[in-house]
Amino acid sequence: MTTTLLDPTGELDPVQRQPLAKPARLDGLTVGLLDISKARGDVFLDRLHELLGDRGVTVKRYKKPTFTRPAPLELVQKMAGEVDVVVEGLAD
C-alpha cells in the first residue's frame, strides 16, 4: 500500500512513499515526543510522557523552534539517531 504525503509548504507534485511498519509494542523502544511549538502542545506531550513513563517506556523530548516551518534537518537527524518512534504533538 502506498501513501500520498502532501507537503503543506507548497509542493507541486505529491510524494508517493511506502509507510514504515509500525511496531506492535513499545517495550524496549525509545519514543520521541516532538513539540512543534504551538500553544499548549506541551500540555498534551507532558501527559503522554507521564503515561508512557508509567508503562516503563523510555521517552526523549524534542522541540521545533517554530510551528511555522518544517523541523530543521539537524533536529530530524538527531531524532532519527536517538529514537525508534516519534509522536508529534500540536494543539491550540
C-alpha atoms as a PDB file:
ATOM      1  CA  MET A   1       0.000   0.000   0.000  1.00  0.00           C
ATOM      2  CA  THR A   2       1.381   3.414  -0.923  1.00  0.00           C
ATOM      3  CA  THR A   3       0.521   6.605   0.846  1.00  0.00           C
ATOM      4  CA  THR A   4       0.433  10.064  -0.675  1.00  0.00           C
ATOM      5  CA  LEU A   5       2.160  12.608   1.550  1.00  0.00           C
ATOM      6  CA  LEU A   6       1.244  16.232   0.968  1.00  0.00           C
ATOM      7  CA  ASP A   7       3.737  18.877   1.994  1.00  0.00           C
ATOM      8  CA  PRO A   8       1.927  21.996   3.262  1.00  0.00           C
ATOM      9  CA  THR A   9       4.873  24.195   2.238  1.00  0.00           C
ATOM     10  CA  GLY A  10       3.723  24.408  -1.386  1.00  0.00           C
ATOM     11  CA  GLU A  11       4.889  21.308  -3.233  1.00  0.00           C
ATOM     12  CA  LEU A  12       3.639  20.845  -6.773  1.00  0.00           C
ATOM     13  CA  ASP A  13       3.991  17.055  -7.065  1.00  0.00           C
ATOM     14  CA  PRO A  14       2.900  14.833  -4.127  1.00  0.00           C
ATOM     15  CA  VAL A  15       5.467  12.271  -2.988  1.00  0.00           C
ATOM     16  CA  GLN A  16       4.498   8.575  -3.116  1.00  0.00           C
ATOM     17  CA  ARG A  17       6.037   6.506  -0.309  1.00  0.00           C
ATOM     18  CA  GLN A  18       5.513   3.201   1.402  1.00  0.00           C
ATOM     19  CA  PRO A  19       4.618   3.807   5.067  1.00  0.00           C
ATOM     20  CA  LEU A  20       7.064   2.400   7.595  1.00  0.00           C
ATOM     21  CA  ALA A  21       5.939  -0.595   9.589  1.00  0.00           C
ATOM     22  CA  LYS A  22       4.519   0.364  12.964  1.00  0.00           C
ATOM     23  CA  PRO A  23       5.853  -1.519  15.984  1.00  0.00           C
ATOM     24  CA  ALA A  24       3.429  -3.937  17.592  1.00  0.00           C
ATOM     25  CA  ARG A  25       4.654  -2.879  21.054  1.00  0.00           C
ATOM     26  CA  LEU A  26       6.713  -0.111  22.590  1.00  0.00           C
ATOM     27  CA  ASP A  27       8.565  -2.414  25.011  1.00  0.00           C
ATOM     28  CA  GLY A  28      12.298  -1.837  24.684  1.00  0.00           C
ATOM     29  CA  LEU A  29      11.856   1.078  22.258  1.00  0.00           C
ATOM     30  CA  THR A  30      12.602   4.747  22.792  1.00  0.00           C
ATOM     31  CA  VAL A  31       9.763   7.125  21.951  1.00  0.00           C
ATOM     32  CA  GLY A  32      10.499  10.687  20.874  1.00  0.00           C
ATOM     33  CA  LEU A  33       7.943  13.370  21.669  1.00  0.00           C
ATOM     34  CA  LEU A  34       8.182  16.334  19.293  1.00  0.00           C
ATOM     35  CA  ASP A  35       6.642  19.610  20.418  1.00  0.00           C
ATOM     36  CA  ILE A  36       6.026  21.691  17.291  1.00  0.00           C
ATOM     37  CA  SER A  37       5.843  24.889  19.393  1.00  0.00           C
ATOM     38  CA  LYS A  38       2.111  25.527  19.142  1.00  0.00           C
ATOM     39  CA  ALA A  39       0.322  26.794  22.218  1.00  0.00           C
ATOM     40  CA  ARG A  40      -0.491  24.036  24.743  1.00  0.00           C
ATOM     41  CA  GLY A  41       1.130  21.276  22.693  1.00  0.00           C
ATOM     42  CA  ASP A  42       3.450  20.766  25.639  1.00  0.00           C
ATOM     43  CA  VAL A  43       0.433  20.040  27.869  1.00  0.00           C
ATOM     44  CA  PHE A  44      -0.559  17.102  25.647  1.00  0.00           C
ATOM     45  CA  LEU A  45       3.029  15.846  25.424  1.00  0.00           C
ATOM     46  CA  ASP A  46       3.576  16.201  29.193  1.00  0.00           C
ATOM     47  CA  ARG A  47       0.600  13.918  29.811  1.00  0.00           C
ATOM     48  CA  LEU A  48       1.705  11.451  27.134  1.00  0.00           C
ATOM     49  CA  HIS A  49       5.207  11.436  28.643  1.00  0.00           C
ATOM     50  CA  GLU A  50       3.694  10.622  32.039  1.00  0.00           C
ATOM     51  CA  LEU A  51       1.530   7.796  30.640  1.00  0.00           C
ATOM     52  CA  LEU A  52       4.399   6.254  28.684  1.00  0.00           C
ATOM     53  CA  GLY A  53       6.721   6.550  31.677  1.00  0.00           C
ATOM     54  CA  ASP A  54       4.171   4.758  33.847  1.00  0.00           C
ATOM     55  CA  ARG A  55       4.429   1.839  31.403  1.00  0.00           C
ATOM     56  CA  GLY A  56       8.223   1.813  31.551  1.00  0.00           C
ATOM     57  CA  VAL A  57       8.732   3.270  28.082  1.00  0.00           C
ATOM     58  CA  THR A  58      11.863   5.362  27.548  1.00  0.00           C
ATOM     59  CA  VAL A  59      10.950   8.862  26.324  1.00  0.00           C
ATOM     60  CA  LYS A  60      13.046  11.672  24.830  1.00  0.00           C
ATOM     61  CA  ARG A  61      11.679  15.170  24.270  1.00  0.00           C
ATOM     62  CA  TYR A  62      12.333  17.483  21.335  1.00  0.00           C
ATOM     63  CA  LYS A  63      11.012  20.890  20.310  1.00  0.00           C
ATOM     64  CA  LYS A  64      10.888  22.707  16.992  1.00  0.00           C
ATOM     65  CA  PRO A  65      11.943  26.362  17.102  1.00  0.00           C
ATOM     66  CA  THR A  66       8.642  27.411  15.481  1.00  0.00           C
ATOM     67  CA  PHE A  67       5.492  25.743  14.182  1.00  0.00           C
ATOM     68  CA  THR A  68       5.539  27.880  11.032  1.00  0.00           C
ATOM     69  CA  ARG A  69       8.416  25.976   9.433  1.00  0.00           C
ATOM     70  CA  PRO A  70       9.409  22.340   8.980  1.00  0.00           C
ATOM     71  CA  ALA A  71      11.693  20.854  11.618  1.00  0.00           C
ATOM     72  CA  PRO A  72      15.340  21.747  10.968  1.00  0.00           C
ATOM     73  CA  LEU A  73      17.303  18.938   9.311  1.00  0.00           C
ATOM     74  CA  GLU A  74      19.642  18.748  12.324  1.00  0.00           C
ATOM     75  CA  LEU A  75      16.682  18.084  14.620  1.00  0.00           C
ATOM     76  CA  VAL A  76      15.250  15.424  12.298  1.00  0.00           C
ATOM     77  CA  GLN A  77      18.639  13.697  12.091  1.00  0.00           C
ATOM     78  CA  LYS A  78      19.071  13.850  15.876  1.00  0.00           C
ATOM     79  CA  MET A  79      15.666  12.222  16.436  1.00  0.00           C
ATOM     80  CA  ALA A  80      16.361   9.574  13.783  1.00  0.00           C
ATOM     81  CA  GLY A  81      19.574   8.626  15.591  1.00  0.00           C
ATOM     82  CA  GLU A  82      18.138   8.600  19.104  1.00  0.00           C
ATOM     83  CA  VAL A  83      14.608   7.180  18.996  1.00  0.00           C
ATOM     84  CA  ASP A  84      12.605   4.381  17.408  1.00  0.00           C
ATOM     85  CA  VAL A  85       9.222   6.104  17.196  1.00  0.00           C
ATOM     86  CA  VAL A  86       8.186   9.787  17.132  1.00  0.00           C
ATOM     87  CA  VAL A  87       4.904  11.302  18.286  1.00  0.00           C
ATOM     88  CA  GLU A  88       4.342  14.852  17.085  1.00  0.00           C
ATOM     89  CA  GLY A  89       2.136  16.923  19.349  1.00  0.00           C
ATOM     90  CA  LEU A  90       0.249  20.021  18.416  1.00  0.00           C
ATOM     91  CA  ALA A  91      -2.573  21.955  19.992  1.00  0.00           C
ATOM     92  CA  ASP A  92      -4.256  25.329  20.154  1.00  0.00           C
END
